[in-house]
Protein backbone atom coordinates (compact mmCIF):
# COMPACT_ATOMS: atom_id res chain seq x y z
CA MET A 1 0.00 0.00 0.00
CA ASN A 2 1.38 3.38 -1.00
CA TYR A 3 0.91 5.54 2.14
CA ASP A 4 1.56 8.63 0.04
CA SER A 5 -1.68 8.00 -1.82
CA ILE A 6 -3.88 8.77 1.18
CA SER A 7 -1.90 11.77 2.47
CA ASP A 8 -3.35 15.21 2.05
CA GLY A 9 0.17 16.45 1.30
CA GLN A 10 1.27 20.00 1.88
CA THR A 11 -1.16 22.71 2.75
CA ALA A 12 0.66 25.00 0.25
CA SER A 13 1.96 24.33 -3.27
CA THR A 14 5.20 22.30 -3.48
CA PRO A 15 7.79 23.05 -6.25
CA ASP A 16 8.37 20.25 -8.77
CA PRO A 17 12.12 19.31 -8.74
CA ASP A 18 12.15 18.72 -12.54
CA THR A 19 10.18 21.69 -13.84
CA GLY A 20 10.51 24.10 -10.90
CA THR A 21 6.81 24.87 -11.09
CA ALA A 22 4.45 24.72 -8.14
CA GLU A 23 2.60 21.40 -7.71
CA PRO A 24 -1.03 21.74 -6.49
CA PRO A 25 -1.80 20.22 -3.06
CA ARG A 26 -3.09 16.69 -3.13
CA GLU A 27 -6.40 15.56 -1.61
CA VAL A 28 -7.25 12.47 0.43
CA ASP A 29 -7.91 9.41 -1.71
CA LEU A 30 -11.09 8.01 -0.07
CA VAL A 31 -10.87 4.73 -1.97
CA ALA A 32 -7.30 4.20 -0.78
CA TYR A 33 -8.37 5.14 2.74
CA ALA A 34 -11.19 2.59 2.65
CA LEU A 35 -8.80 -0.08 1.40
CA LEU A 36 -6.42 0.83 4.23
CA LEU A 37 -9.17 0.28 6.82
CA ILE A 38 -10.15 -3.02 5.22
CA ARG A 39 -6.50 -4.15 5.22
CA HIS A 40 -6.30 -3.43 8.99
CA LEU A 41 -9.83 -4.63 9.73
CA ARG A 42 -8.57 -7.37 12.03
CA PHE A 43 -6.67 -4.85 14.13
CA ILE A 44 -9.72 -2.54 14.33
CA LEU A 45 -12.01 -5.41 15.32
CA ALA A 46 -9.45 -6.57 17.86
CA CYS A 47 -9.48 -3.09 19.45
CA GLY A 48 -13.28 -3.15 19.69
CA PHE A 49 -13.32 -6.69 21.04
CA THR A 50 -10.60 -5.92 23.61
CA ALA A 51 -12.46 -2.83 24.84
CA ALA A 52 -15.69 -4.81 25.14
CA VAL A 53 -13.96 -7.59 27.08
CA LEU A 54 -12.31 -5.12 29.45
CA MET A 55 -15.64 -3.37 30.06
CA ALA A 56 -17.38 -6.72 30.60
CA ILE A 57 -14.77 -7.61 33.20
CA PHE A 58 -15.29 -4.23 34.88
CA VAL A 59 -19.09 -4.51 35.08
CA LEU A 60 -18.73 -8.02 36.46
CA VAL A 61 -16.17 -7.02 39.08
CA ALA A 62 -17.69 -3.64 39.99
CA LYS A 63 -19.88 -3.61 43.07
CA PRO A 64 -23.50 -3.28 41.90
CA ARG A 65 -25.92 -0.61 43.14
CA PHE A 66 -29.60 -0.98 43.92
CA SER A 67 -32.20 1.77 43.71
CA ALA A 68 -35.16 2.36 46.01
CA THR A 69 -37.81 5.06 45.55
CA ALA A 70 -40.16 6.58 48.13
CA VAL A 71 -43.11 8.65 46.90
CA MET A 72 -44.75 11.22 49.19
CA VAL A 73 -47.72 13.54 48.79
CA LEU A 74 -47.87 17.10 50.14
CA PRO A 75 -51.50 18.33 50.05
CA GLN A 76 -51.53 21.91 48.78
CA ASN A 77 -54.85 22.78 50.49
CA ASN A 78 -53.83 21.53 53.91
CA ASP A 79 -53.38 24.29 56.52
CA LYS A 80 -50.61 22.40 58.26
CA ALA A 81 -48.85 21.80 54.96
CA SER A 82 -48.03 25.50 54.83
CA ALA A 83 -46.65 25.66 58.37
CA LEU A 84 -43.09 24.77 57.39
CA GLN A 85 -43.06 27.17 54.46
CA ALA A 86 -44.51 29.95 56.63
CA GLN A 87 -41.77 29.43 59.20
CA LEU A 88 -38.97 29.54 56.62
CA THR A 89 -40.30 32.41 54.51
CA SER A 90 -42.03 34.57 57.11
CA ALA A 91 -41.63 38.30 56.36
CA THR A 92 -39.03 37.56 53.67
CA ALA A 93 -38.94 36.74 50.00
CA ASP A 94 -39.10 33.06 49.14
CA LEU A 95 -35.55 32.53 48.00
CA LEU A 96 -36.06 28.84 47.38
CA GLY A 97 -38.78 29.27 44.81
CA GLY A 98 -41.77 28.58 47.05
CA GLY A 99 -44.37 25.89 46.73
CA ILE A 100 -43.49 22.24 46.62
CA GLU A 101 -39.97 23.03 45.35
CA LEU A 102 -39.21 24.32 48.84
CA TYR A 103 -39.61 20.84 50.29
CA ALA A 104 -37.36 19.36 47.60
CA ASP A 105 -34.65 21.87 48.54
CA ILE A 106 -35.04 20.95 52.20
CA LEU A 107 -34.63 17.26 51.39
CA GLN A 108 -31.33 18.07 49.64
CA SER A 109 -30.07 20.34 52.43
CA ARG A 110 -26.89 19.69 54.37
CA SER A 111 -28.70 19.36 57.70
CA VAL A 112 -30.83 16.48 56.42
CA ALA A 113 -27.78 14.82 54.84
CA ASP A 114 -25.76 15.09 58.07
CA THR A 115 -28.60 13.51 60.04
CA LEU A 116 -28.77 10.55 57.66
CA ILE A 117 -24.98 10.19 57.62
CA GLN A 118 -24.94 9.86 61.40
CA GLN A 119 -28.02 7.63 61.50
CA PHE A 120 -26.65 5.08 58.99
CA ASP A 121 -22.92 5.60 59.70
CA LEU A 122 -22.38 6.36 56.02
CA GLN A 123 -18.86 7.67 56.50
CA HIS A 124 -17.82 4.16 57.46
CA GLU A 125 -19.96 2.52 54.76
CA TYR A 126 -18.64 4.79 51.99
CA HIS A 127 -15.05 4.59 53.30
CA THR A 128 -14.61 8.37 53.26
CA LYS A 129 -12.17 10.43 55.31
CA ASP A 130 -14.39 13.36 56.28
CA GLN A 131 -17.99 14.48 56.52
CA GLN A 132 -17.87 16.66 53.41
CA ALA A 133 -16.78 13.81 51.15
CA THR A 134 -19.59 11.66 52.54
CA GLU A 135 -22.10 14.44 51.82
CA LEU A 136 -20.94 14.61 48.19
CA ILE A 137 -21.31 10.85 47.71
CA LEU A 138 -24.76 10.82 49.33
CA ALA A 139 -25.85 13.73 47.11
CA ALA A 140 -24.63 11.86 44.02
CA MET A 141 -26.53 8.74 45.10
CA THR A 142 -29.78 10.66 45.80
CA LYS A 143 -32.24 12.05 43.28
CA VAL A 144 -35.26 14.19 44.26
CA GLU A 145 -37.95 14.69 41.63
CA VAL A 146 -40.87 17.12 41.99
CA GLN A 147 -44.16 16.84 40.13
CA ARG A 148 -46.88 19.45 39.77
CA GLU A 149 -49.50 17.18 41.26
CA GLY A 150 -47.84 17.52 44.67
CA LEU A 151 -45.73 14.37 44.46
CA ILE A 152 -42.11 14.14 45.52
CA ARG A 153 -40.04 11.09 44.52
CA VAL A 154 -36.87 10.36 46.46
CA THR A 155 -34.62 7.76 44.80
CA VAL A 156 -31.49 6.51 46.56
CA GLN A 157 -28.81 4.19 45.17
CA ASP A 158 -26.70 2.01 47.43
CA ALA A 159 -24.67 -1.16 47.32
CA GLU A 160 -27.13 -2.76 49.77
CA PRO A 161 -30.78 -2.94 48.64
CA GLN A 162 -32.11 -2.77 52.18
CA ARG A 163 -30.02 0.29 53.06
CA ALA A 164 -31.15 2.03 49.86
CA ALA A 165 -34.79 1.53 50.88
CA ASP A 166 -34.09 2.64 54.46
CA LEU A 167 -32.35 5.80 53.25
CA ALA A 168 -35.22 6.73 50.92
CA ASN A 169 -37.76 6.25 53.73
CA ALA A 170 -35.52 8.19 56.12
CA TYR A 171 -35.66 11.23 53.82
CA VAL A 172 -39.45 11.22 54.15
CA GLN A 173 -39.21 10.90 57.94
CA GLN A 174 -36.73 13.76 58.19
CA LEU A 175 -39.02 16.11 56.28
CA ASP A 176 -41.88 15.24 58.62
CA VAL A 177 -39.66 15.63 61.70
CA LEU A 178 -38.44 19.05 60.56
CA ASN A 179 -41.96 20.30 59.94
CA HIS A 180 -43.13 18.87 63.27
CA LYS A 181 -40.30 20.63 65.09
CA LEU A 182 -40.96 24.03 63.51
CA VAL A 183 -44.72 23.85 64.04
CA LEU A 184 -44.30 22.86 67.68
CA THR A 185 -41.88 25.74 68.14
CA SER A 186 -44.52 28.17 66.89
CA VAL A 187 -47.27 26.68 69.07
CA GLY A 188 -44.94 26.50 72.05
CA GLU A 189 -44.11 30.20 71.77
CA ARG A 190 -47.83 30.98 71.67
CA ARG A 191 -48.51 28.83 74.74
CA PHE A 192 -45.64 30.45 76.62
CA TYR A 193 -46.98 33.91 75.77
CA LEU A 194 -50.51 33.03 76.96
CA GLU A 195 -49.10 31.54 80.16
CA ALA A 196 -47.21 34.76 80.91
CA GLU A 197 -50.35 36.83 80.24
CA MET A 198 -52.34 34.59 82.59
CA THR A 199 -49.81 35.18 85.36
CA LYS A 200 -50.03 38.95 84.86
CA GLU A 201 -53.84 38.92 84.90
CA LYS A 202 -53.86 36.78 88.02
CA ASP A 203 -51.73 39.35 89.84
CA LYS A 204 -53.88 42.23 88.54
CA LEU A 205 -57.04 40.44 89.66
CA ALA A 206 -55.62 40.02 93.16
CA ASP A 207 -54.68 43.72 93.30
CA ALA A 208 -58.17 44.73 92.10
CA GLU A 209 -59.83 42.57 94.75
CA VAL A 210 -57.67 44.10 97.49
CA ALA A 211 -58.48 47.64 96.27
CA LEU A 212 -62.23 46.86 96.24
CA LYS A 213 -62.08 45.40 99.73
CA GLN A 214 -60.30 48.48 101.06
CA HIS A 215 -62.91 50.75 99.44
CA GLN A 216 -65.76 48.73 100.96
CA GLU A 217 -64.19 49.05 104.40
CA THR A 218 -63.97 52.83 103.91
CA THR A 219 -67.49 53.34 102.53
CA SER A 220 -69.24 50.59 104.55
CA GLY A 221 -69.87 48.58 101.35
CA LEU A 222 -71.98 51.10 99.44
CA PRO A 223 -73.72 49.19 96.55
CA PRO A 224 -73.99 50.80 93.06
CA GLU A 225 -77.36 51.84 91.67
CA ALA A 226 -78.97 49.64 89.05
CA GLN A 227 -78.75 52.05 86.12
CA VAL A 228 -75.14 52.97 86.76
CA SER A 229 -74.25 49.34 87.20
CA ALA A 230 -75.77 48.45 83.82
CA ALA A 231 -73.97 51.32 82.07
CA LEU A 232 -70.61 50.43 83.51
CA SER A 233 -71.19 46.74 82.89
CA ALA A 234 -71.45 47.52 79.17
CA LEU A 235 -68.19 49.44 79.41
CA GLU A 236 -66.54 46.59 81.28
CA ALA A 237 -67.76 44.00 78.78
CA THR A 238 -66.39 46.03 75.88
CA ARG A 239 -63.00 46.32 77.57
CA VAL A 240 -62.90 42.58 78.17
CA GLN A 241 -63.74 41.84 74.56
CA LEU A 242 -61.15 44.37 73.34
CA ARG A 243 -58.35 43.02 75.52
CA SER A 244 -59.19 39.44 74.59
CA ALA A 245 -59.15 40.33 70.90
CA GLN A 246 -55.80 42.12 71.30
CA ILE A 247 -54.23 39.13 73.01
CA ARG A 248 -55.60 36.77 70.36
CA LEU A 249 -54.14 39.03 67.63
CA GLU A 250 -50.74 39.16 69.34
CA ALA A 251 -50.73 35.39 69.74
CA LEU A 252 -51.54 34.89 66.05
CA LEU A 253 -48.77 37.26 64.96
CA ILE A 254 -46.18 35.04 66.66
CA GLY A 255 -46.52 32.33 64.05
CA GLU A 256 -48.43 33.96 61.21
CA THR A 257 -47.94 36.90 58.84
CA ASP A 258 -50.12 39.98 58.41
CA ALA A 259 -51.64 38.48 55.27
CA ASN A 260 -53.13 35.51 57.14
CA PRO A 261 -56.98 35.60 57.04
CA ASP A 262 -57.24 34.96 60.81
CA VAL A 263 -54.89 37.89 61.49
CA VAL A 264 -56.92 40.19 59.22
CA ARG A 265 -60.19 39.26 60.96
CA ALA A 266 -58.66 39.69 64.43
CA ARG A 267 -57.25 43.10 63.50
CA ARG A 268 -60.65 44.30 62.25
CA GLU A 269 -62.29 43.09 65.45
CA VAL A 270 -59.76 45.03 67.54
CA GLU A 271 -60.38 48.20 65.55
CA GLY A 272 -64.17 47.94 65.95
CA LEU A 273 -64.02 47.30 69.71
CA THR A 274 -61.54 50.16 70.15
CA ALA A 275 -63.94 52.61 68.51
CA GLN A 276 -66.84 51.31 70.62
CA LEU A 277 -64.85 51.63 73.85
CA GLU A 278 -63.79 55.19 73.02
CA GLN A 279 -67.44 56.13 72.55
CA LEU A 280 -68.40 54.70 75.94
CA GLU A 281 -65.47 56.28 77.77
CA ARG A 282 -66.31 59.78 76.41
CA GLY A 283 -69.31 59.76 78.75
CA THR A 284 -72.04 59.61 76.11
CA THR A 285 -75.47 58.29 77.06
CA SER A 286 -75.58 54.51 77.29
CA ALA A 287 -78.07 52.79 75.04
CA VAL A 288 -78.74 50.35 77.88
CA THR A 289 -79.51 52.71 80.78
CA GLY A 290 -80.03 56.15 79.19
CA THR A 291 -77.92 57.72 81.95
CA PRO A 292 -74.62 59.50 81.25
CA THR A 293 -71.80 58.09 83.37
CA THR A 294 -70.41 61.59 83.99
CA GLN A 295 -73.37 62.34 86.31
CA VAL A 296 -72.57 59.52 88.74
CA PRO A 297 -71.49 60.74 92.19
CA ALA A 298 -67.76 60.49 92.78
CA GLN A 299 -68.01 58.05 95.65
CA LEU A 300 -70.41 55.78 93.83
CA LEU A 301 -68.29 56.00 90.67
CA ASP A 302 -65.16 54.96 92.58
CA TYR A 303 -66.95 51.93 93.95
CA THR A 304 -68.27 50.83 90.59
CA ARG A 305 -64.91 51.46 88.95
CA LEU A 306 -63.19 49.16 91.43
CA LEU A 307 -65.90 46.56 91.04
CA ARG A 308 -65.58 46.86 87.28
CA GLU A 309 -61.82 46.26 87.48
CA VAL A 310 -62.41 43.09 89.47
CA LYS A 311 -64.97 41.79 86.96
CA PHE A 312 -62.76 42.82 84.05
CA HIS A 313 -59.76 40.88 85.31
CA GLU A 314 -61.93 37.92 86.28
CA SER A 315 -63.42 37.68 82.80
CA LEU A 316 -60.10 38.24 81.08
CA PHE A 317 -58.41 35.61 83.22
CA GLU A 318 -61.09 33.07 82.30
CA LEU A 319 -60.66 33.84 78.59
CA LEU A 320 -56.88 33.56 78.81
CA GLU A 321 -57.20 30.29 80.67
CA LYS A 322 -59.41 28.93 77.88
CA GLN A 323 -56.97 30.05 75.18
CA PHE A 324 -54.08 28.55 77.15
CA GLU A 325 -55.84 25.20 77.34
CA GLU A 326 -56.47 25.30 73.57
CA ALA A 327 -52.77 26.03 72.94
CA GLN A 328 -51.78 23.11 75.17
CA LEU A 329 -54.12 20.82 73.25
CA GLU A 330 -52.75 22.01 69.92
CA GLU A 331 -49.19 21.49 71.13
CA SER A 332 -49.99 17.91 72.16
CA LYS A 333 -51.14 17.05 68.66
CA THR A 334 -48.59 15.81 66.14
CA PRO A 335 -48.90 17.78 62.91
CA SER A 336 -48.07 15.62 59.91
CA ILE A 337 -48.03 17.04 56.41
CA VAL A 338 -46.24 14.17 54.73
CA GLN A 339 -48.41 11.39 53.39
CA VAL A 340 -46.43 8.42 52.10
CA LEU A 341 -47.94 7.16 48.86
CA ASP A 342 -45.37 4.46 48.11
CA PRO A 343 -42.78 3.57 50.76
CA ALA A 344 -39.42 2.43 49.46
CA VAL A 345 -38.85 -1.33 49.33
CA PRO A 346 -35.59 -3.25 48.72
CA ALA A 347 -34.89 -3.76 45.02
CA LYS A 348 -34.46 -7.28 43.65
CA HIS A 349 -32.49 -6.26 40.57
CA LYS A 350 -29.50 -3.96 40.38
CA THR A 351 -29.72 -0.66 38.52
CA TRP A 352 -25.98 -0.03 38.06
CA PRO A 353 -23.87 -0.75 36.14
CA PRO A 354 -25.90 -1.61 32.99
CA ARG A 355 -23.83 -4.45 31.52
CA THR A 356 -25.18 -4.50 27.97
CA LEU A 357 -25.11 -0.73 27.48
CA TYR A 358 -21.62 -0.28 28.88
CA THR A 359 -20.25 -3.22 26.85
CA LEU A 360 -21.70 -1.91 23.60
CA LEU A 361 -20.39 1.60 24.28
CA ALA A 362 -16.94 0.21 25.05
CA MET A 363 -16.95 -1.78 21.81
CA ILE A 364 -17.89 1.29 19.78
CA VAL A 365 -15.17 3.36 21.48
CA GLY A 366 -12.66 0.56 20.81
CA LEU A 367 -13.56 0.46 17.12
CA PHE A 368 -13.15 4.22 16.79
CA LEU A 369 -9.85 3.99 18.64
CA GLY A 370 -8.65 1.28 16.21
CA VAL A 371 -9.63 3.43 13.21
CA PHE A 372 -7.84 6.40 14.73
CA VAL A 373 -4.63 4.42 15.34
CA VAL A 374 -4.61 2.98 11.82
CA SER A 375 -5.27 6.39 10.28
CA LEU A 376 -2.64 8.10 12.38
CA ARG A 377 -0.02 5.46 11.53
CA ALA A 378 -0.84 5.73 7.82
CA PHE A 379 -0.52 9.49 7.74
CA VAL A 380 2.72 9.40 9.72
CA MET A 381 4.22 6.82 7.37
CA ALA A 382 3.04 8.80 4.36
CA TYR A 383 4.72 11.90 5.71
CA VAL A 384 7.95 10.02 6.45
CA HIS A 385 8.16 8.37 3.01
CA SER A 386 7.22 11.48 1.07
CA PRO A 387 10.17 12.81 -1.02
CA GLN A 388 9.17 16.39 -0.26
CA ASN A 389 9.67 15.73 3.49
CA ALA A 390 12.88 13.73 3.24
CA GLY A 391 15.05 16.66 4.38
CA GLN A 392 12.88 17.39 7.40
CA VAL A 393 12.74 13.71 8.40
CA GLU A 394 16.51 13.44 8.17
CA ARG A 395 16.98 16.49 10.40
CA ILE A 396 14.62 15.02 12.95
CA ARG A 397 16.59 11.76 12.95
CA GLN A 398 19.87 13.63 13.43
CA LEU A 399 18.43 15.60 16.32
CA TYR A 400 17.16 12.38 17.85
CA ARG A 401 20.60 10.70 17.55
CA ARG A 402 22.36 13.68 19.10
CA GLY A 403 19.92 13.72 21.98
């Protein structure tokens, strides 16, 4: 085979030694190139076969991996389903994208990964030197897929099928635990606030009772008149309702935002009761009694005021006690937003490495490698045996001998 016949020659014109004129550059002879490949077909096939055999040995020796998938549902219309998102995005922009994507980001967070690494001793199982390397391997072995219907699929690969299933189910449990923790924190803060308010009202009620007793001892227990009592009772009832509404609003604001419907309703109730109380305290005629409170004798007004304070704190204490009991009951409940649709089960067949696919790809790569080697050798030999390059080849040989 004449190697010079398949060479593309010089990129510029080469002078003819006989005529001295420029010789046009030669092109690749495709027929000669095809004959060259056919001549070395055995070598090319041997490269492909060798690569396939080596890959087959690798896939047989390599430790297989098994996949397990857990599917969970996050109801979008569930009030408790928004508790975790409200805690993480309260009063700030949703930097994680919001919606169900938020839960997918949480599942792939470092805190969840560290918990699973400690729970399953993955640093020892993966034979890694530090925590960060273990996190990278776990992230590469885990795939979280989000669907618009509210489904989240967590797929974990592992050398042990049982551990792969346990890891996938553990991701679901960690999401539920994190939401449970944050919701309980919010409810616990509300309960603590109501408990502190109850303690304050209890002290104020005791002080009001002592002040009323002292006034009765001074005035020989003068009773209020019926009309005045009715007028001031309306005032006292309005104050109780206003203070109760204010406390309920403050308790809601601990765990909710201003845009929450319950917060909006509570705020409107506070505004209405405030306006009503201001009207009563200005001394206008009561719709109940028809008697202005400004005309009540000073001594009688002092008595009724003290009695009103006692009733006010008694009523408010009872309302706070009821709200405190409701907060305790809510705290005792376990909020669960994660509904497991398909728990992960151990796989019976391995998912990695795919023997047939890898073997075919290795054979194709080997064939291309054989073609490349044959082509490279042919072009090198054509360059070496070309008369136009004889001087350059000789200089290269001399340089090589000197070196």
